[in-house]
Structure formats: structure tokens, C-alpha cells
Amino acid sequence: MIGSYVAFIVITLLMASGVVSVPLLVVAAFIAAIVITSAYGYSIERVAYRPLRGSNRLIPLISAIGMSTFLQNAVLLAQDSREKAIPQLVEGGVTFGAASGPGVMISYMQLIVFITTVVVMAALTWFIARSRLGRACRACAEDIGMARLLGIESNTVIALTFVIGGALAAVASVLLGLQYGVINPSIGFLAGIKAFTAAVLGGIGSIPGAMLGGLLLGVAEALGADLVGDQYKDVVAFSLLILVLMFRPTGILGRPEVEKV
């Protein structure tokens, strides 16, 4: 939500200043959204999570919900509740199919979303699996106490994950705004719920699994809208989540944890 509004403000100001170059507008929106949303991620970790580290797991969850409500209402007061329209900067598409038939059209914006998603997820997977900081992130996730004993600065690593999460949310928010063209203060809540659902479907802790879960969730929503009506698409999607939790709680690519006694 924050990234979408930052992109909206940047694009609006640049266009009002006479900037008409689409690549420049898109790049400026990405850079501004990534910088500001990452800063928000770092600040949220310092304010709403770090003071609660080591407490009952339910307490940080409640703190996260409170911070989400605070940010949503802060933007609502600053920008009002009306939907904002982001200009459709990328138009046109590619049509597949017979010349005499209806064919299938894929817009350039959809191609940009797909390519950007694959590139970003590949980069994140490499970072987590191969880089030194990525290994430190996995160590803290596995056993934060042992990670500290091995000399890993856990506070820095955890703050880094919030910065990376903010940057990824910014990329998603700019793509979302350019794809649909409409934003409002509540878009972050539904996107967050569906992102969590996708992660559970694919397997918590698995980056490829989260991407696969997102694709399956999108396909389930599209099929649900086509088969039983658009108003029931969320019912179909979350029914899929319930079925996965019932028959494969670890998710599609998740692995069950083995506790050694």
C-alpha cells in the first residue's frame, strides 16, 4: 500500500513537470517506492518487533496487526479514502491465435509482471542460498540462539530481512498499480492475506514454493470466477488453502520439521 502511493505520487509529480518518457517514469517509480518502503520496513522492525523479541509469539503478531492498521489509517488521513488512478503507462500487447479466430491477447504489462517476478524471485533465491548474508538469514530462522553463539549479529540480519521484504513489496506494489491502475488505502490488507495464503500453499520457508503457491492461487481464483461467479473467487481460493492445510500442512514444496530428542 505504501509503495503504491509512493509510485502514484512520483508518477503524478513527474508528469505534471512535463516528463513523458515511460521508461523514466517507471524507473523513478520503482526507485522511490523501493527506497521509501524499505525505510518503512526497517523502521517497523525497530518499533514494532525488536522490543518484543523473545516474548510470546502471539504478541508480535498482534503488534504487526496494530502497525498495519496504523499505516492504513495514516495514509487514509493523508490521502483520503477515495481511489487513486495511476496512469496506464504501458499499453498494447501480443495476440496469439489464428487470424480468423478470436485469439488470446497478452498485454505488455502482463509480460513485464511475469518477467520481473521471475527475475526477482531468482535473485532472492540465489541471495538466500548462496550469499553470506543469506546463510545468516537461514541460520537465524533455524535457531537464533545458536546463530548468536556463532557470532552472527541477529538484530542486523533480522532488520535486513525487513528491508528486503519492503523492497520486494515495493516492486509488487508498482507492478500492481501499473497493471490495474487503481489504488486505495486497503489494498495492502487483501494483498497481505493472499501473500500469506500463497506462502502456506507453497510451503513456508520455500521461495519457489511461495511463487508456485501464488500461481496456483491465481489460477484457482480465475477458475472460480469463471465457474461459480466473480463474487465467489475468494471462496474458491481459500477453500483450496483449507484443503492443503488438511491433507498437506507443510505445503506443496514444504518439508516437515524433524525434531531430534
Protein backbone atom coordinates (compact mmCIF):
# COMPACT_ATOMS: atom_id res chain seq x y z
CA MET A 1 0.00 0.00 0.00
CA ILE A 2 2.80 2.41 0.90
CA GLY A 3 4.71 1.55 -2.27
CA SER A 4 1.63 2.06 -4.44
CA TYR A 5 1.03 5.54 -3.07
CA VAL A 6 4.69 6.48 -3.42
CA ALA A 7 4.62 5.35 -7.07
CA PHE A 8 1.39 7.29 -7.63
CA ILE A 9 2.86 10.49 -6.16
CA VAL A 10 6.13 10.19 -8.09
CA ILE A 11 4.46 9.48 -11.43
CA THR A 12 1.93 12.30 -10.92
CA LEU A 13 4.62 14.86 -10.00
CA LEU A 14 6.89 13.89 -12.88
CA MET A 15 4.07 14.01 -15.42
CA ALA A 16 2.97 17.39 -14.03
CA SER A 17 6.57 18.56 -14.52
CA GLY A 18 6.43 17.62 -18.19
CA VAL A 19 8.18 14.24 -18.09
CA VAL A 20 6.62 11.96 -20.73
CA SER A 21 9.25 9.24 -21.06
CA VAL A 22 7.60 5.97 -19.98
CA PRO A 23 10.87 4.19 -19.03
CA LEU A 24 11.92 7.17 -16.92
CA LEU A 25 8.55 7.31 -15.16
CA VAL A 26 8.57 3.58 -14.43
CA VAL A 27 12.19 3.52 -13.21
CA ALA A 28 11.62 6.57 -10.99
CA ALA A 29 8.51 4.95 -9.50
CA PHE A 30 10.43 1.74 -8.77
CA ILE A 31 13.41 3.52 -7.18
CA ALA A 32 11.29 5.82 -5.00
CA ALA A 33 8.97 3.02 -3.88
CA ILE A 34 11.86 0.67 -3.06
CA VAL A 35 13.79 3.29 -1.06
CA ILE A 36 10.83 4.58 0.96
CA THR A 37 9.16 1.22 1.55
CA SER A 38 12.46 -0.35 2.63
CA ALA A 39 12.90 2.51 5.10
CA TYR A 40 9.41 1.82 6.41
CA GLY A 41 10.30 -1.86 6.78
CA TYR A 42 13.40 -1.05 8.80
CA SER A 43 11.51 1.43 10.99
CA ILE A 44 8.68 -1.03 11.64
CA GLU A 45 11.17 -3.69 12.71
CA ARG A 46 12.77 -1.28 15.19
CA VAL A 47 9.46 -0.01 16.60
CA ALA A 48 7.02 -2.92 16.47
CA TYR A 49 9.16 -6.07 16.52
CA ARG A 50 12.59 -5.64 18.13
CA PRO A 51 11.27 -4.56 21.56
CA LEU A 52 9.08 -7.68 21.61
CA ARG A 53 11.74 -10.18 20.59
CA GLY A 54 11.82 -13.12 22.94
CA SER A 55 8.22 -12.67 24.07
CA ASN A 56 5.32 -14.99 23.33
CA ARG A 57 4.86 -15.43 19.56
CA LEU A 58 1.31 -14.13 19.71
CA ILE A 59 2.45 -10.70 20.94
CA PRO A 60 4.49 -9.73 17.81
CA LEU A 61 1.57 -10.93 15.68
CA ILE A 62 -0.79 -8.54 17.49
CA SER A 63 1.81 -5.78 17.16
CA ALA A 64 2.01 -6.43 13.40
CA ILE A 65 -1.77 -6.14 13.06
CA GLY A 66 -1.70 -2.89 15.02
CA MET A 67 1.09 -1.46 12.85
CA SER A 68 -0.81 -2.45 9.72
CA THR A 69 -3.93 -0.65 10.97
CA PHE A 70 -1.84 2.40 11.91
CA LEU A 71 -0.24 2.66 8.46
CA GLN A 72 -3.56 2.14 6.69
CA ASN A 73 -5.26 4.88 8.66
CA ALA A 74 -2.29 7.24 8.38
CA VAL A 75 -2.46 7.02 4.58
CA LEU A 76 -6.25 7.28 4.71
CA LEU A 77 -5.97 10.58 6.62
CA ALA A 78 -3.19 11.89 4.37
CA GLN A 79 -4.66 10.87 1.00
CA ASP A 80 -8.39 10.40 1.85
CA SER A 81 -10.37 7.23 1.18
CA ARG A 82 -11.10 7.79 -2.50
CA GLU A 83 -9.42 5.52 -5.01
CA LYS A 84 -6.49 6.98 -6.92
CA ALA A 85 -5.94 6.32 -10.61
CA ILE A 86 -2.39 5.57 -11.78
CA PRO A 87 -1.93 6.39 -15.50
CA GLN A 88 -1.70 3.39 -17.80
CA LEU A 89 1.88 3.90 -18.92
CA VAL A 90 2.32 0.57 -20.72
CA GLU A 91 -0.31 -0.17 -23.36
CA GLY A 92 -0.78 -2.74 -26.10
CA GLY A 93 0.06 -6.40 -26.19
CA VAL A 94 0.72 -9.51 -28.25
CA THR A 95 -2.11 -11.57 -29.75
CA PHE A 96 -1.76 -15.32 -30.19
CA GLY A 97 -4.09 -17.45 -32.28
CA ALA A 98 -5.46 -17.83 -35.78
CA ALA A 99 -6.08 -14.70 -37.79
CA SER A 100 -9.70 -15.74 -38.38
CA GLY A 101 -10.33 -16.78 -34.76
CA PRO A 102 -10.72 -14.80 -31.55
CA GLY A 103 -7.15 -15.44 -30.40
CA VAL A 104 -5.64 -14.73 -26.99
CA MET A 105 -4.06 -11.39 -26.10
CA ILE A 106 -1.30 -10.99 -23.54
CA SER A 107 -0.64 -7.37 -22.67
CA TYR A 108 2.86 -5.96 -22.46
CA MET A 109 2.18 -5.12 -18.82
CA GLN A 110 1.40 -8.78 -18.07
CA LEU A 111 4.67 -9.78 -19.73
CA ILE A 112 6.53 -7.20 -17.65
CA VAL A 113 4.91 -8.54 -14.46
CA PHE A 114 5.83 -12.13 -15.33
CA ILE A 115 9.43 -11.39 -16.33
CA THR A 116 10.04 -9.11 -13.34
CA THR A 117 8.61 -11.71 -10.96
CA VAL A 118 10.84 -14.47 -12.32
CA VAL A 119 13.97 -12.30 -12.21
CA VAL A 120 13.31 -11.02 -8.68
CA MET A 121 12.50 -14.48 -7.32
CA ALA A 122 15.61 -15.96 -8.96
CA ALA A 123 17.74 -13.20 -7.42
CA LEU A 124 16.16 -13.72 -4.00
CA THR A 125 16.66 -17.49 -4.20
CA TRP A 126 20.34 -17.02 -5.10
CA PHE A 127 20.79 -14.50 -2.28
CA ILE A 128 19.27 -16.79 0.36
CA ALA A 129 21.03 -19.94 -0.88
CA ARG A 130 24.48 -18.66 -1.89
CA SER A 131 25.39 -15.38 -0.23
CA ARG A 132 26.91 -15.00 3.23
CA LEU A 133 24.06 -12.79 4.44
CA GLY A 134 21.56 -15.27 3.01
CA ARG A 135 23.12 -18.08 5.00
CA ALA A 136 22.99 -15.86 8.09
CA CYS A 137 19.26 -15.30 7.45
CA ARG A 138 18.69 -19.06 7.25
CA ALA A 139 20.73 -19.63 10.41
CA CYS A 140 18.68 -17.09 12.37
CA ALA A 141 15.45 -18.61 11.07
CA GLU A 142 16.58 -22.10 12.06
CA ASP A 143 17.98 -21.38 15.52
CA ILE A 144 18.53 -17.76 16.54
CA GLY A 145 20.22 -18.73 19.82
CA MET A 146 22.83 -20.89 18.11
CA ALA A 147 23.31 -18.22 15.43
CA ARG A 148 24.21 -15.70 18.13
CA LEU A 149 26.66 -18.14 19.70
CA LEU A 150 28.37 -18.48 16.29
CA GLY A 151 28.89 -14.72 16.08
CA ILE A 152 26.00 -13.75 13.81
CA GLU A 153 24.56 -10.32 14.62
CA SER A 154 20.94 -11.40 14.71
CA ASN A 155 19.46 -7.90 15.09
CA THR A 156 21.21 -6.76 11.91
CA VAL A 157 20.16 -9.85 10.00
CA ILE A 158 16.52 -9.54 11.06
CA ALA A 159 16.49 -5.84 10.17
CA LEU A 160 17.93 -6.79 6.77
CA THR A 161 15.05 -9.18 6.15
CA PHE A 162 12.57 -6.38 6.81
CA VAL A 163 14.43 -4.11 4.38
CA ILE A 164 14.42 -6.84 1.72
CA GLY A 165 10.75 -7.54 2.40
CA GLY A 166 9.95 -3.86 1.99
CA ALA A 167 11.86 -3.71 -1.30
CA LEU A 168 10.03 -6.76 -2.66
CA ALA A 169 6.69 -5.30 -1.56
CA ALA A 170 7.61 -2.08 -3.38
CA VAL A 171 8.30 -3.95 -6.61
CA ALA A 172 4.99 -5.78 -6.29
CA SER A 173 3.11 -2.58 -5.49
CA VAL A 174 4.41 -0.70 -8.54
CA LEU A 175 3.56 -3.64 -10.80
CA LEU A 176 0.13 -3.93 -9.18
CA GLY A 177 -0.58 -0.23 -9.65
CA LEU A 178 0.56 -0.20 -13.28
CA GLN A 179 -1.42 -3.36 -14.04
CA TYR A 180 -4.77 -2.38 -12.52
CA GLY A 181 -4.42 1.40 -12.44
CA VAL A 182 -6.39 1.88 -9.21
CA ILE A 183 -5.13 2.02 -5.61
CA ASN A 184 -6.72 2.68 -2.21
CA PRO A 185 -5.63 2.51 1.45
CA SER A 186 -6.99 -1.03 1.91
CA ILE A 187 -5.18 -2.78 -0.96
CA GLY A 188 -2.31 -3.85 1.29
CA PHE A 189 -4.51 -5.87 3.63
CA LEU A 190 -6.01 -8.17 0.99
CA ALA A 191 -2.66 -8.49 -0.79
CA GLY A 192 -1.03 -9.47 2.50
CA ILE A 193 -3.68 -12.10 3.25
CA LYS A 194 -3.27 -13.62 -0.20
CA ALA A 195 0.53 -13.48 0.02
CA PHE A 196 0.35 -15.41 3.29
CA THR A 197 -2.05 -17.87 1.67
CA ALA A 198 0.33 -18.36 -1.27
CA ALA A 199 3.25 -18.96 1.12
CA VAL A 200 1.26 -21.58 3.05
CA LEU A 201 0.16 -23.28 -0.17
CA GLY A 202 3.70 -23.49 -1.48
CA GLY A 203 5.36 -24.25 1.84
CA ILE A 204 6.54 -21.77 4.46
CA GLY A 205 10.27 -21.17 4.05
CA SER A 206 10.40 -22.17 0.38
CA ILE A 207 10.82 -19.25 -2.06
CA PRO A 208 9.99 -21.34 -5.16
CA GLY A 209 7.09 -22.78 -3.17
CA ALA A 210 5.74 -19.30 -2.43
CA MET A 211 5.90 -18.43 -6.12
CA LEU A 212 4.19 -21.70 -7.05
CA GLY A 213 1.56 -21.08 -4.37
CA GLY A 214 0.88 -17.63 -5.83
CA LEU A 215 0.41 -19.06 -9.31
CA LEU A 216 -1.94 -21.78 -8.02
CA LEU A 217 -3.90 -19.22 -6.02
CA GLY A 218 -4.29 -17.01 -9.09
CA VAL A 219 -5.40 -19.92 -11.26
CA ALA A 220 -7.87 -21.05 -8.57
CA GLU A 221 -9.34 -17.55 -8.38
CA ALA A 222 -9.65 -17.29 -12.17
CA LEU A 223 -11.32 -20.71 -12.44
CA GLY A 224 -13.59 -19.93 -9.51
CA ALA A 225 -14.68 -16.65 -11.09
CA ASP A 226 -15.39 -18.45 -14.38
CA LEU A 227 -17.20 -21.45 -12.90
CA VAL A 228 -19.21 -20.07 -9.98
CA GLY A 229 -19.08 -16.30 -10.44
CA ASP A 230 -16.67 -13.49 -9.70
CA GLN A 231 -18.14 -12.91 -6.24
CA TYR A 232 -17.10 -16.43 -5.16
CA LYS A 233 -13.48 -16.38 -6.38
CA ASP A 234 -12.09 -15.72 -2.90
CA VAL A 235 -14.20 -18.57 -1.52
CA VAL A 236 -12.62 -20.97 -4.03
CA ALA A 237 -9.11 -19.70 -3.29
CA PHE A 238 -9.37 -20.02 0.47
CA SER A 239 -11.14 -23.38 0.19
CA LEU A 240 -8.00 -24.54 -1.63
CA LEU A 241 -5.96 -23.29 1.33
CA ILE A 242 -8.10 -25.27 3.77
CA LEU A 243 -7.72 -28.45 1.72
CA VAL A 244 -3.94 -28.06 1.57
CA LEU A 245 -3.76 -27.49 5.33
CA MET A 246 -5.90 -30.56 5.94
CA PHE A 247 -4.03 -33.01 3.71
CA ARG A 248 -0.54 -31.46 3.44
CA PRO A 249 0.06 -29.00 6.29
CA THR A 250 3.64 -28.30 5.23
CA GLY A 251 2.54 -27.04 1.80
CA ILE A 252 3.36 -28.30 -1.67
CA LEU A 253 7.14 -27.86 -1.50
CA GLY A 254 7.47 -27.63 2.28
CA ARG A 255 9.33 -30.21 4.30
CA PRO A 256 8.14 -31.48 7.70
CA GLU A 257 10.34 -30.46 10.59
CA VAL A 258 12.10 -33.31 12.33
CA GLU A 259 12.79 -32.65 15.99
CA LYS A 260 15.65 -34.62 17.47
CA VAL A 261 15.26 -35.61 21.09
